[in-house]
Protein backbone atom coordinates (compact mmCIF):
# COMPACT_ATOMS: atom_id res chain seq x y z
CA MET A 1 83.77 87.95 64.75
CA MET A 2 86.48 87.08 67.26
CA PRO A 3 85.77 84.11 69.57
CA PRO A 4 85.04 85.11 73.17
CA VAL A 5 87.92 84.92 75.63
CA PHE A 6 87.63 83.56 79.18
CA ARG A 7 90.27 83.19 81.86
CA PHE A 8 90.96 81.36 85.08
CA ALA A 9 93.43 83.28 87.23
CA PRO A 10 94.55 81.55 90.46
CA SER A 11 97.30 82.68 92.80
CA PRO A 12 100.01 80.09 93.58
CA ASN A 13 99.86 80.67 97.32
CA GLY A 14 98.29 77.34 98.21
CA PHE A 15 96.75 74.23 96.71
CA LEU A 16 93.46 74.41 94.80
CA HIS A 17 90.20 73.36 96.44
CA LEU A 18 86.65 72.62 95.31
CA GLY A 19 85.83 76.31 94.94
CA HIS A 20 88.67 76.75 92.46
CA ALA A 21 87.55 73.61 90.62
CA TYR A 22 84.03 74.99 90.25
CA SER A 23 85.25 78.32 88.87
CA ALA A 24 87.77 76.71 86.52
CA LEU A 25 85.20 74.22 85.22
CA LEU A 26 82.63 76.99 84.66
CA ASN A 27 85.15 78.98 82.63
CA PHE A 28 86.12 75.89 80.66
CA GLU A 29 82.51 74.95 79.90
CA ARG A 30 81.49 78.48 78.90
CA ALA A 31 84.49 78.75 76.59
CA ARG A 32 83.73 75.38 75.00
CA GLU A 33 80.00 76.02 74.58
CA SER A 34 80.61 79.42 72.96
CA GLY A 35 83.46 78.32 70.73
CA GLY A 36 85.71 80.61 72.73
CA ARG A 37 89.20 80.50 74.19
CA LEU A 38 90.25 79.72 77.75
CA LEU A 39 93.36 81.38 79.16
CA LEU A 40 95.19 80.51 82.35
CA ARG A 41 96.83 83.35 84.24
CA ILE A 42 99.07 82.95 87.28
CA GLU A 43 98.60 85.88 89.67
CA ASP A 44 101.97 85.67 91.44
CA ILE A 45 102.60 89.29 92.44
CA ASP A 46 102.85 88.47 96.16
CA ALA A 47 106.40 87.12 96.28
CA THR A 48 106.18 86.42 100.02
CA ARG A 49 103.33 83.90 99.65
CA CYS A 50 103.54 82.53 96.11
CA ARG A 51 105.68 79.40 95.65
CA PRO A 52 106.74 77.41 92.55
CA GLU A 53 105.38 74.13 93.94
CA TYR A 54 101.91 75.62 94.17
CA GLU A 55 102.11 76.76 90.55
CA VAL A 56 103.12 73.27 89.43
CA ALA A 57 100.22 71.85 91.43
CA ILE A 58 97.78 74.22 89.68
CA TYR A 59 98.78 72.80 86.30
CA GLU A 60 98.53 69.23 87.59
CA ASP A 61 95.11 69.71 89.18
CA LEU A 62 93.58 71.46 86.18
CA ALA A 63 94.91 68.84 83.76
CA TRP A 64 93.55 66.08 86.01
CA LEU A 65 90.12 67.74 85.86
CA GLY A 66 90.30 67.58 82.05
CA ILE A 67 90.63 71.33 81.59
CA ALA A 68 92.67 72.56 78.61
CA TRP A 69 94.02 76.09 78.26
CA GLU A 70 96.03 78.09 75.80
CA THR A 71 99.75 78.64 76.20
CA PRO A 72 101.86 80.49 77.03
CA VAL A 73 100.47 81.15 80.48
CA ARG A 74 100.67 84.78 81.56
CA GLN A 75 102.51 85.22 84.86
CA GLN A 76 101.97 88.61 86.43
CA SER A 77 105.48 88.76 87.89
CA GLU A 78 106.84 88.91 84.32
CA HIS A 79 104.76 91.95 83.35
CA LEU A 80 105.44 94.55 86.01
CA ALA A 81 106.11 97.17 83.34
CA ASP A 82 102.47 96.93 82.20
CA TYR A 83 101.19 97.75 85.67
CA ARG A 84 103.76 100.49 86.14
CA ALA A 85 102.57 102.17 82.94
CA ALA A 86 98.95 102.07 84.12
CA LEU A 87 99.93 103.50 87.50
CA GLU A 88 101.87 106.30 85.83
CA LYS A 89 98.83 107.16 83.71
CA LEU A 90 96.65 107.44 86.81
CA SER A 91 99.35 109.50 88.52
CA ALA A 92 99.47 111.87 85.56
CA LEU A 93 95.75 112.46 86.09
CA GLY A 94 96.47 113.51 89.67
CA LEU A 95 94.58 110.55 91.11
CA VAL A 96 97.34 108.76 93.04
CA TYR A 97 99.07 109.74 96.27
CA PRO A 98 101.47 108.03 98.71
CA ALA A 99 100.24 107.24 102.22
CA PHE A 100 102.87 106.46 104.86
CA GLU A 101 100.86 105.04 107.77
CA SER A 102 101.62 101.48 108.82
CA ARG A 103 98.83 98.96 109.32
CA ALA A 104 99.15 99.45 113.07
CA GLU A 105 98.91 103.22 112.71
CA ILE A 106 95.83 102.88 110.53
CA ALA A 107 94.22 100.65 113.16
CA LYS A 108 94.89 103.31 115.81
CA LEU A 109 93.41 106.02 113.59
CA VAL A 110 90.28 103.96 113.03
CA ALA A 111 89.94 103.36 116.77
CA ALA A 112 90.25 107.10 117.40
CA ARG A 113 87.63 107.90 114.75
CA GLU A 114 85.25 105.34 116.23
CA ALA A 115 85.25 107.21 119.52
CA ASP A 116 82.73 109.46 117.77
CA GLY A 117 80.72 106.63 116.22
CA PRO A 118 81.13 103.76 113.74
CA TRP A 119 83.78 104.32 111.08
CA PRO A 120 82.66 103.35 107.54
CA ARG A 121 83.81 100.01 106.17
CA ASP A 122 84.15 98.66 102.65
CA PRO A 123 81.99 95.82 101.28
CA ASP A 124 84.55 93.30 102.58
CA GLY A 125 84.24 94.72 106.09
CA ALA A 126 87.61 96.49 106.26
CA PRO A 127 87.65 100.10 107.53
CA LEU A 128 88.05 102.80 104.92
CA TYR A 129 91.37 104.61 104.88
CA PRO A 130 91.19 107.11 107.78
CA GLY A 131 94.39 109.09 107.19
CA ASP A 132 95.09 112.52 105.71
CA ALA A 133 98.03 111.74 103.44
CA ARG A 134 96.21 113.49 100.58
CA SER A 135 96.96 116.80 102.30
CA LEU A 136 100.73 116.31 102.48
CA SER A 137 102.72 118.78 100.41
CA ALA A 138 104.77 117.57 97.46
CA ASP A 139 107.96 118.45 99.36
CA GLU A 140 106.89 116.42 102.39
CA ARG A 141 105.99 113.43 100.22
CA SER A 142 109.36 113.62 98.47
CA ARG A 143 111.19 113.91 101.79
CA LEU A 144 109.46 110.85 103.23
CA ILE A 145 110.05 108.76 100.11
CA ALA A 146 113.73 109.80 100.00
CA SER A 147 114.08 108.79 103.64
CA GLY A 148 113.15 105.22 102.73
CA ALA A 149 109.84 105.26 104.59
CA PRO A 150 107.40 102.52 103.53
CA TYR A 151 104.31 103.73 101.71
CA ALA A 152 101.23 102.64 99.81
CA LEU A 153 100.07 104.34 96.64
CA ARG A 154 96.35 105.01 97.01
CA LEU A 155 93.67 106.06 94.55
CA ASP A 156 91.94 109.33 95.40
CA ILE A 157 88.51 107.78 95.10
CA ALA A 158 86.54 111.04 95.32
CA ALA A 159 88.53 112.69 92.54
CA ALA A 160 88.42 109.51 90.46
CA CYS A 161 84.65 109.22 90.80
CA ARG A 162 84.24 112.82 89.67
CA ARG A 163 86.02 111.86 86.45
CA ALA A 164 83.91 108.74 85.91
CA ALA A 165 80.37 109.12 87.19
CA GLY A 166 77.39 106.86 86.55
CA LEU A 167 79.32 103.61 86.09
CA THR A 168 77.56 100.28 85.60
CA TRP A 169 78.40 96.75 84.50
CA ASN A 170 76.59 93.94 82.72
CA GLU A 171 76.07 91.07 85.16
CA LEU A 172 75.43 87.77 83.37
CA GLY A 173 75.51 85.73 86.55
CA GLU A 174 74.11 86.74 89.89
CA GLY A 175 75.28 88.89 92.77
CA PRO A 176 74.99 87.94 96.47
CA ASP A 177 71.55 89.57 96.64
CA GLY A 178 70.34 88.32 93.29
CA GLU A 179 71.67 91.24 91.21
CA HIS A 180 71.52 90.58 87.47
CA GLY A 181 71.62 92.60 84.28
CA ILE A 182 72.81 96.21 84.40
CA VAL A 183 74.22 96.81 87.88
CA PRO A 184 75.24 100.25 89.22
CA ALA A 185 78.91 100.45 90.21
CA LEU A 186 79.62 102.21 93.52
CA PRO A 187 83.42 102.43 93.83
CA GLU A 188 83.22 105.13 96.50
CA ALA A 189 82.15 102.39 98.93
CA TRP A 190 85.77 101.19 98.92
CA GLY A 191 87.45 104.43 99.92
CA ASP A 192 90.98 105.22 98.77
CA VAL A 193 92.03 101.72 97.70
CA ILE A 194 95.69 100.72 97.44
CA LEU A 195 97.04 100.46 93.89
CA ALA A 196 100.65 99.56 94.77
CA ARG A 197 103.13 99.54 97.61
CA LYS A 198 106.78 100.54 97.84
CA GLU A 199 107.80 96.87 97.84
CA THR A 200 104.98 95.59 95.59
CA PRO A 201 104.56 97.47 92.28
CA THR A 202 100.87 96.67 91.81
CA SER A 203 97.73 95.51 93.59
CA TYR A 204 95.09 92.97 92.66
CA HIS A 205 92.69 95.71 91.55
CA LEU A 206 95.18 97.32 89.18
CA SER A 207 96.79 94.21 87.75
CA VAL A 208 93.54 92.37 87.09
CA VAL A 209 92.04 95.14 84.94
CA VAL A 210 95.29 95.61 83.01
CA ASP A 211 95.66 91.87 82.39
CA ASP A 212 92.06 91.35 81.32
CA ALA A 213 92.34 94.20 78.82
CA LEU A 214 95.70 93.10 77.41
CA GLN A 215 94.48 89.52 77.06
CA GLY A 216 91.19 90.51 75.46
CA VAL A 217 89.01 88.85 78.08
CA GLY A 218 85.40 89.60 77.19
CA GLU A 219 83.56 87.70 79.93
CA ILE A 220 84.95 87.41 83.44
CA VAL A 221 83.65 84.37 85.30
CA ARG A 222 84.52 84.47 89.01
CA GLY A 223 83.07 84.04 92.50
CA GLN A 224 80.52 86.26 94.21
CA ASP A 225 83.16 87.28 96.75
CA LEU A 226 84.49 89.64 94.04
CA PHE A 227 81.08 91.00 93.02
CA HIS A 228 81.40 94.35 94.84
CA ALA A 229 85.07 94.77 93.82
CA THR A 230 83.80 95.00 90.24
CA ALA A 231 82.89 98.62 91.01
CA VAL A 232 86.58 99.47 91.54
CA HIS A 233 87.51 97.55 88.40
CA ARG A 234 84.96 99.42 86.30
CA LEU A 235 86.33 102.71 87.65
CA LEU A 236 89.91 101.80 86.76
CA GLN A 237 88.88 100.55 83.32
CA THR A 238 87.18 103.86 82.60
CA LEU A 239 90.06 105.99 83.89
CA LEU A 240 92.59 103.98 81.88
CA GLY A 241 90.48 103.84 78.71
CA LEU A 242 90.24 100.04 78.79
CA PRO A 243 87.43 97.92 77.29
CA GLU A 244 84.46 96.97 79.43
CA PRO A 245 84.00 93.20 79.76
CA ALA A 246 80.85 91.44 80.88
CA TYR A 247 80.88 89.79 84.30
CA HIS A 248 79.50 86.46 85.44
CA HIS A 249 79.70 86.03 89.21
CA HIS A 250 78.91 82.56 90.47
CA ARG A 251 77.93 81.07 93.80
CA LEU A 252 80.64 80.18 96.28
CA MET A 253 81.44 76.71 97.52
CA ARG A 254 81.08 76.61 101.31
CA ASP A 255 81.93 74.21 104.09
CA GLY A 256 79.51 72.57 106.49
CA ASP A 257 79.44 75.71 108.65
CA GLY A 258 78.61 77.96 105.71
CA ARG A 259 82.09 79.48 105.42
CA LYS A 260 83.71 80.12 102.07
CA LEU A 261 86.31 77.46 101.30
CA SER A 262 89.94 78.44 101.82
CA LYS A 263 93.27 76.96 100.77
CA SER A 264 93.81 75.82 104.36
CA SER A 265 90.69 73.63 104.24
CA TRP A 266 92.34 70.27 103.59
CA SER A 267 89.10 68.28 103.44
CA THR A 268 88.15 70.07 100.21
CA GLY A 269 91.61 70.26 98.62
CA LEU A 270 91.77 68.70 95.17
CA ARG A 271 95.00 66.86 95.94
CA GLU A 272 93.51 65.32 99.07
CA LEU A 273 90.29 64.35 97.29
CA ARG A 274 92.26 62.80 94.44
CA ALA A 275 94.38 60.83 96.90
CA ALA A 276 91.17 59.61 98.55
CA GLY A 277 90.02 58.16 95.22
CA VAL A 278 87.63 60.88 94.04
CA THR A 279 87.53 61.05 90.23
CA PRO A 280 87.19 64.14 88.01
CA ALA A 281 83.57 63.12 87.44
CA GLY A 282 83.16 62.95 91.21
CA ILE A 283 84.54 66.49 91.54
CA ARG A 284 81.93 67.68 89.03
CA GLN A 285 79.21 66.10 91.15
CA LEU A 286 80.60 67.63 94.35
CA VAL A 287 80.47 71.13 92.86
CA GLY A 288 77.03 70.62 91.37
CA LEU A 289 77.97 70.31 87.69
CA GLY A 290 76.78 66.73 87.32
């Protein structure tokens, strides 16, 4: 029997904080207790925000915490061909289309729709895609792409859900409302999600399911802020014929006002806490791991 595989997958777009420490330590402990493997993955697709100094800091902070991981580290920016192949497979199924509206144009469309009542929003609170790019002819799409117009490649969620109905996942942790065990996946709640952009060859949703499958990750330990996104991931896994991992969503670390920690919250940054004399054992106490 193969040992279970876990992963911690930060983005190098800022310094790590207590929330990252909690997630990394949980992955490390679960891998150690189960005799499994811990992988580190650097999710550096966003070239405009990711910086080498943040990546170096990730390695330093994790090593300081006493966390060990296998090498080599997978960097998403080095595996664009993997995501392109997955996107082409979905396109061959007729499930992907280009949408040419800018963010400002989408905001105007939503405002116009809301003149007739509330426009539906996804579990993160963002409005669902309101455009009609699905109805563009192949010739019109080709003309716009040839003209150099920016576009986003979106998943036709209705058609995708018809191909993969009745999805669930095995929740080993707990969702925001106490969900546990076999949880129904409702990807239609997200609308036509973006899978790639003209200037960015993949999205978080697409790259994360491809990476987890290629790396053999069997249990995904991550924060509750990604609980509902699991529905999209289960849909993509099914459409692409990828294995189904188990999921373990954990509580989020929050500040004194109840907000989820962010990389701009200096008071909870690991580098700042270390400079203030907090020890790795102290970090474990701060995140509730004793």
